[in-house]
Amino acid sequence: MREIFYRCKVCGNIVAMIKTGGGTLTCCGQEMEKLVANTVDASKEKHVPAVTVDNGKIKVEVGSVLHPMLPEHYIEWIALVADDKIEIKYLKPGMEPKAEFECNLSSDVEKVTYTEGDDEVPNCEGQPCNFVYTEKKARNISIYEYCNLHGLWKTEI
C-alpha cells in the first residue's frame, strides 16, 4: 500500500492524502515530507501496532508492551486505512494507546437494512421508501500510529 501521510518540517502539520492528483504538497513555503512507516521495532519502547480482530472489530494496542503516554512522549493518533476508508482516532497524554475500529473482514456484505414501503423511514422527498445498504469486504488493511518522538509506524492485517 502506498504511503499516504505527509508532515511539514517547519510547523509539524500532518496531512493524509486521500486522492493523488499529481501536485506537490507544500506547507510553510516548502514541500512536505512523505512519512515512511517503520514496521520493525528496534527501540526500547514498542511502537508497532498490535492488532486483534474480534467479531468485525479491529482492536489496536500500540506495542506488545503499552507505549508510554506522557506529555513529552506519547502516541498522537492511530489510523485504520483500507481500500476506500480512512479512520483516525486521536489520543492525548494520559490516555491508553488503544483504538477500536469497525471493519468488514468476513464477507462481501456486512450490513443490509430493508424497510417495507409503509414503514416510517422517509426518503429525501419525505415519502416512505425501501432502503438497502451494503458494505463490501475490506481488503488491503493497514493500521498506522504516530509517536510524537519516533514518528510513523504501521502493521498490515
C-alpha atoms as a PDB file:
ATOM      1  CA  MET A   1       0.000   0.000   0.000  1.00  0.00           C
ATOM      2  CA  ARG A   2       1.256   3.452  -0.781  1.00  0.00           C
ATOM      3  CA  GLU A   3       2.375   5.798   1.950  1.00  0.00           C
ATOM      4  CA  ILE A   4      -0.250   8.472   2.475  1.00  0.00           C
ATOM      5  CA  PHE A   5       0.907  10.668   5.336  1.00  0.00           C
ATOM      6  CA  TYR A   6       2.929  13.862   4.910  1.00  0.00           C
ATOM      7  CA  ARG A   7       4.495  16.160   7.525  1.00  0.00           C
ATOM      8  CA  CYS A   8       5.639  19.771   7.461  1.00  0.00           C
ATOM      9  CA  LYS A   9       9.221  20.058   8.716  1.00  0.00           C
ATOM     10  CA  VAL A  10       8.584  23.618   9.908  1.00  0.00           C
ATOM     11  CA  CYS A  11       5.285  23.592  11.819  1.00  0.00           C
ATOM     12  CA  GLY A  12       4.652  19.858  12.259  1.00  0.00           C
ATOM     13  CA  ASN A  13       1.326  19.738  10.371  1.00  0.00           C
ATOM     14  CA  ILE A  14       0.486  16.203   9.248  1.00  0.00           C
ATOM     15  CA  VAL A  15      -1.890  15.527   6.359  1.00  0.00           C
ATOM     16  CA  ALA A  16      -3.350  12.346   4.895  1.00  0.00           C
ATOM     17  CA  MET A  17      -3.504  12.080   1.109  1.00  0.00           C
ATOM     18  CA  ILE A  18      -6.996  10.966   0.189  1.00  0.00           C
ATOM     19  CA  LYS A  19      -6.616  11.354  -3.568  1.00  0.00           C
ATOM     20  CA  THR A  20      -3.469  11.702  -5.624  1.00  0.00           C
ATOM     21  CA  GLY A  21      -3.770  14.484  -8.182  1.00  0.00           C
ATOM     22  CA  GLY A  22      -0.175  14.903  -9.251  1.00  0.00           C
ATOM     23  CA  GLY A  23       0.635  18.161  -7.456  1.00  0.00           C
ATOM     24  CA  THR A  24       3.123  18.815  -4.692  1.00  0.00           C
ATOM     25  CA  LEU A  25       2.005  19.199  -1.098  1.00  0.00           C
ATOM     26  CA  THR A  26       3.502  22.296   0.485  1.00  0.00           C
ATOM     27  CA  CYS A  27       3.270  23.939   3.882  1.00  0.00           C
ATOM     28  CA  CYS A  28       5.149  26.899   5.373  1.00  0.00           C
ATOM     29  CA  GLY A  29       6.572  27.634   1.927  1.00  0.00           C
ATOM     30  CA  GLN A  30       8.239  24.260   1.358  1.00  0.00           C
ATOM     31  CA  GLU A  31       7.473  20.756   0.147  1.00  0.00           C
ATOM     32  CA  MET A  32       6.050  18.435   2.797  1.00  0.00           C
ATOM     33  CA  GLU A  33       7.978  15.312   3.818  1.00  0.00           C
ATOM     34  CA  LYS A  34       6.432  11.948   2.918  1.00  0.00           C
ATOM     35  CA  LEU A  35       6.336   9.860   6.091  1.00  0.00           C
ATOM     36  CA  VAL A  36       7.586   6.329   5.577  1.00  0.00           C
ATOM     37  CA  ALA A  37       6.242   3.993   8.236  1.00  0.00           C
ATOM     38  CA  ASN A  38       8.504   1.786  10.297  1.00  0.00           C
ATOM     39  CA  THR A  39       7.343  -1.813  10.696  1.00  0.00           C
ATOM     40  CA  VAL A  40      10.088  -3.362  12.831  1.00  0.00           C
ATOM     41  CA  ASP A  41      10.522  -2.221  16.396  1.00  0.00           C
ATOM     42  CA  ALA A  42      14.190  -1.895  17.309  1.00  0.00           C
ATOM     43  CA  SER A  43      13.764   0.712  20.052  1.00  0.00           C
ATOM     44  CA  LYS A  44      13.216   0.198  23.760  1.00  0.00           C
ATOM     45  CA  GLU A  45       9.645   1.462  23.550  1.00  0.00           C
ATOM     46  CA  LYS A  46       7.287  -0.643  21.494  1.00  0.00           C
ATOM     47  CA  HIS A  47       5.744   1.175  18.543  1.00  0.00           C
ATOM     48  CA  VAL A  48       4.414  -1.452  16.146  1.00  0.00           C
ATOM     49  CA  PRO A  49       0.608  -1.586  16.459  1.00  0.00           C
ATOM     50  CA  ALA A  50      -0.591  -4.903  17.914  1.00  0.00           C
ATOM     51  CA  VAL A  51      -3.895  -5.867  16.290  1.00  0.00           C
ATOM     52  CA  THR A  52      -6.618  -8.330  17.241  1.00  0.00           C
ATOM     53  CA  VAL A  53      -9.798  -8.933  15.261  1.00  0.00           C
ATOM     54  CA  ASP A  54     -12.984  -9.843  17.104  1.00  0.00           C
ATOM     55  CA  ASN A  55     -16.448 -10.064  15.531  1.00  0.00           C
ATOM     56  CA  GLY A  56     -15.978  -7.278  12.963  1.00  0.00           C
ATOM     57  CA  LYS A  57     -13.995  -5.068  15.327  1.00  0.00           C
ATOM     58  CA  ILE A  58     -10.316  -4.315  14.930  1.00  0.00           C
ATOM     59  CA  LYS A  59      -8.721  -3.652  18.303  1.00  0.00           C
ATOM     60  CA  VAL A  60      -5.363  -1.908  18.343  1.00  0.00           C
ATOM     61  CA  GLU A  61      -2.845  -1.522  21.142  1.00  0.00           C
ATOM     62  CA  VAL A  62       0.403   0.287  20.448  1.00  0.00           C
ATOM     63  CA  GLY A  63       3.203  -2.114  21.266  1.00  0.00           C
ATOM     64  CA  SER A  64       3.404  -5.548  22.779  1.00  0.00           C
ATOM     65  CA  VAL A  65       4.124  -3.569  25.956  1.00  0.00           C
ATOM     66  CA  LEU A  66       1.888  -0.482  26.006  1.00  0.00           C
ATOM     67  CA  HIS A  67       3.602   2.665  24.767  1.00  0.00           C
ATOM     68  CA  PRO A  68       4.052   5.474  27.324  1.00  0.00           C
ATOM     69  CA  MET A  69       1.519   8.290  27.166  1.00  0.00           C
ATOM     70  CA  LEU A  70       3.427  11.107  28.851  1.00  0.00           C
ATOM     71  CA  PRO A  71       3.230  14.779  27.796  1.00  0.00           C
ATOM     72  CA  GLU A  72       6.771  14.569  26.423  1.00  0.00           C
ATOM     73  CA  HIS A  73       6.363  11.149  24.719  1.00  0.00           C
ATOM     74  CA  TYR A  74       3.027   9.788  23.512  1.00  0.00           C
ATOM     75  CA  ILE A  75       1.020   8.369  20.620  1.00  0.00           C
ATOM     76  CA  GLU A  76      -0.790  11.238  18.872  1.00  0.00           C
ATOM     77  CA  TRP A  77      -3.140   9.121  16.754  1.00  0.00           C
ATOM     78  CA  ILE A  78      -3.977   5.658  15.445  1.00  0.00           C
ATOM     79  CA  ALA A  79      -5.440   5.222  11.939  1.00  0.00           C
ATOM     80  CA  LEU A  80      -7.106   2.434  10.020  1.00  0.00           C
ATOM     81  CA  VAL A  81      -6.536   2.622   6.254  1.00  0.00           C
ATOM     82  CA  ALA A  82      -8.416   0.232   3.953  1.00  0.00           C
ATOM     83  CA  ASP A  83      -9.326   0.295   0.258  1.00  0.00           C
ATOM     84  CA  ASP A  84     -11.809   3.152   0.440  1.00  0.00           C
ATOM     85  CA  LYS A  85     -11.699   4.077   4.097  1.00  0.00           C
ATOM     86  CA  ILE A  86      -9.503   6.042   6.449  1.00  0.00           C
ATOM     87  CA  GLU A  87     -10.468   6.488  10.071  1.00  0.00           C
ATOM     88  CA  ILE A  88      -8.323   8.236  12.664  1.00  0.00           C
ATOM     89  CA  LYS A  89      -8.594   8.102  16.461  1.00  0.00           C
ATOM     90  CA  TYR A  90      -6.802  10.969  18.187  1.00  0.00           C
ATOM     91  CA  LEU A  91      -5.095  10.417  21.544  1.00  0.00           C
ATOM     92  CA  LYS A  92      -3.705  12.655  24.281  1.00  0.00           C
ATOM     93  CA  PRO A  93      -1.176  12.141  27.074  1.00  0.00           C
ATOM     94  CA  GLY A  94      -2.715  10.147  29.906  1.00  0.00           C
ATOM     95  CA  MET A  95      -4.992   8.112  27.621  1.00  0.00           C
ATOM     96  CA  GLU A  96      -4.272   4.470  26.847  1.00  0.00           C
ATOM     97  CA  PRO A  97      -2.586   3.952  23.448  1.00  0.00           C
ATOM     98  CA  LYS A  98      -5.533   1.926  22.152  1.00  0.00           C
ATOM     99  CA  ALA A  99      -8.217   2.267  19.491  1.00  0.00           C
ATOM    100  CA  GLU A 100     -11.098   0.232  18.129  1.00  0.00           C
ATOM    101  CA  PHE A 101     -12.437   0.279  14.579  1.00  0.00           C
ATOM    102  CA  GLU A 102     -15.342  -1.456  12.854  1.00  0.00           C
ATOM    103  CA  CYS A 103     -14.496  -3.007   9.520  1.00  0.00           C
ATOM    104  CA  ASN A 104     -15.986  -5.788   7.415  1.00  0.00           C
ATOM    105  CA  LEU A 105     -13.374  -8.534   7.253  1.00  0.00           C
ATOM    106  CA  SER A 106     -15.501 -11.612   6.650  1.00  0.00           C
ATOM    107  CA  SER A 107     -17.968 -11.413   3.781  1.00  0.00           C
ATOM    108  CA  ASP A 108     -18.895  -9.323   0.760  1.00  0.00           C
ATOM    109  CA  VAL A 109     -21.905  -7.826   2.553  1.00  0.00           C
ATOM    110  CA  GLU A 110     -21.843  -6.762   6.193  1.00  0.00           C
ATOM    111  CA  LYS A 111     -24.951  -4.660   6.685  1.00  0.00           C
ATOM    112  CA  VAL A 112     -28.268  -4.807   4.903  1.00  0.00           C
ATOM    113  CA  THR A 113     -31.205  -2.721   6.054  1.00  0.00           C
ATOM    114  CA  TYR A 114     -34.531  -3.172   4.299  1.00  0.00           C
ATOM    115  CA  THR A 115     -37.722  -1.347   5.151  1.00  0.00           C
ATOM    116  CA  GLU A 116     -41.159  -2.027   3.707  1.00  0.00           C
ATOM    117  CA  GLY A 117     -42.712   0.785   1.695  1.00  0.00           C
ATOM    118  CA  ASP A 118     -45.140   1.709   4.508  1.00  0.00           C
ATOM    119  CA  ASP A 119     -42.503   1.994   7.267  1.00  0.00           C
ATOM    120  CA  GLU A 120     -41.690   5.355   8.817  1.00  0.00           C
ATOM    121  CA  VAL A 121     -38.313   5.755   7.083  1.00  0.00           C
ATOM    122  CA  PRO A 122     -38.636   8.725   4.679  1.00  0.00           C
ATOM    123  CA  ASN A 123     -36.558   9.374   1.602  1.00  0.00           C
ATOM    124  CA  CYS A 124     -35.274  12.822   0.632  1.00  0.00           C
ATOM    125  CA  GLU A 125     -38.750  13.925  -0.527  1.00  0.00           C
ATOM    126  CA  GLY A 126     -40.321  12.953   2.800  1.00  0.00           C
ATOM    127  CA  GLN A 127     -42.032   9.857   1.380  1.00  0.00           C
ATOM    128  CA  PRO A 128     -41.736   6.271   2.691  1.00  0.00           C
ATOM    129  CA  CYS A 129     -39.200   4.194   0.788  1.00  0.00           C
ATOM    130  CA  ASN A 130     -37.243   0.957   0.617  1.00  0.00           C
ATOM    131  CA  PHE A 131     -33.612   1.264   1.619  1.00  0.00           C
ATOM    132  CA  VAL A 132     -30.766  -1.177   1.173  1.00  0.00           C
ATOM    133  CA  TYR A 133     -27.231  -0.541   2.383  1.00  0.00           C
ATOM    134  CA  THR A 134     -24.332  -2.886   1.700  1.00  0.00           C
ATOM    135  CA  GLU A 135     -20.692  -2.734   2.657  1.00  0.00           C
ATOM    136  CA  LYS A 136     -18.015  -4.589   0.709  1.00  0.00           C
ATOM    137  CA  LYS A 137     -15.401  -6.702   2.437  1.00  0.00           C
ATOM    138  CA  ALA A 138     -12.371  -4.598   3.359  1.00  0.00           C
ATOM    139  CA  ARG A 139      -9.052  -5.533   1.801  1.00  0.00           C
ATOM    140  CA  ASN A 140      -5.548  -4.039   1.969  1.00  0.00           C
ATOM    141  CA  ILE A 141      -5.922  -3.001   5.604  1.00  0.00           C
ATOM    142  CA  SER A 142      -3.108  -1.177   7.381  1.00  0.00           C
ATOM    143  CA  ILE A 143      -3.013   0.232  10.893  1.00  0.00           C
ATOM    144  CA  TYR A 144      -0.811   3.283  11.419  1.00  0.00           C
ATOM    145  CA  GLU A 145       0.188   5.093  14.590  1.00  0.00           C
ATOM    146  CA  TYR A 146       2.164   8.265  15.088  1.00  0.00           C
ATOM    147  CA  CYS A 147       4.526   8.780  18.045  1.00  0.00           C
ATOM    148  CA  ASN A 148       5.427  12.405  18.737  1.00  0.00           C
ATOM    149  CA  LEU A 149       9.121  11.418  19.153  1.00  0.00           C
ATOM    150  CA  HIS A 150       9.621   8.353  16.947  1.00  0.00           C
ATOM    151  CA  GLY A 151       7.320   9.049  14.002  1.00  0.00           C
ATOM    152  CA  LEU A 152       5.057   6.828  11.945  1.00  0.00           C
ATOM    153  CA  TRP A 153       4.675   3.074  12.461  1.00  0.00           C
ATOM    154  CA  LYS A 154       2.405   0.524  10.836  1.00  0.00           C
ATOM    155  CA  THR A 155       1.241  -3.046  10.673  1.00  0.00           C
ATOM    156  CA  GLU A 156      -0.830  -4.740   7.996  1.00  0.00           C
ATOM    157  CA  ILE A 157      -3.732  -7.096   8.530  1.00  0.00           C
END
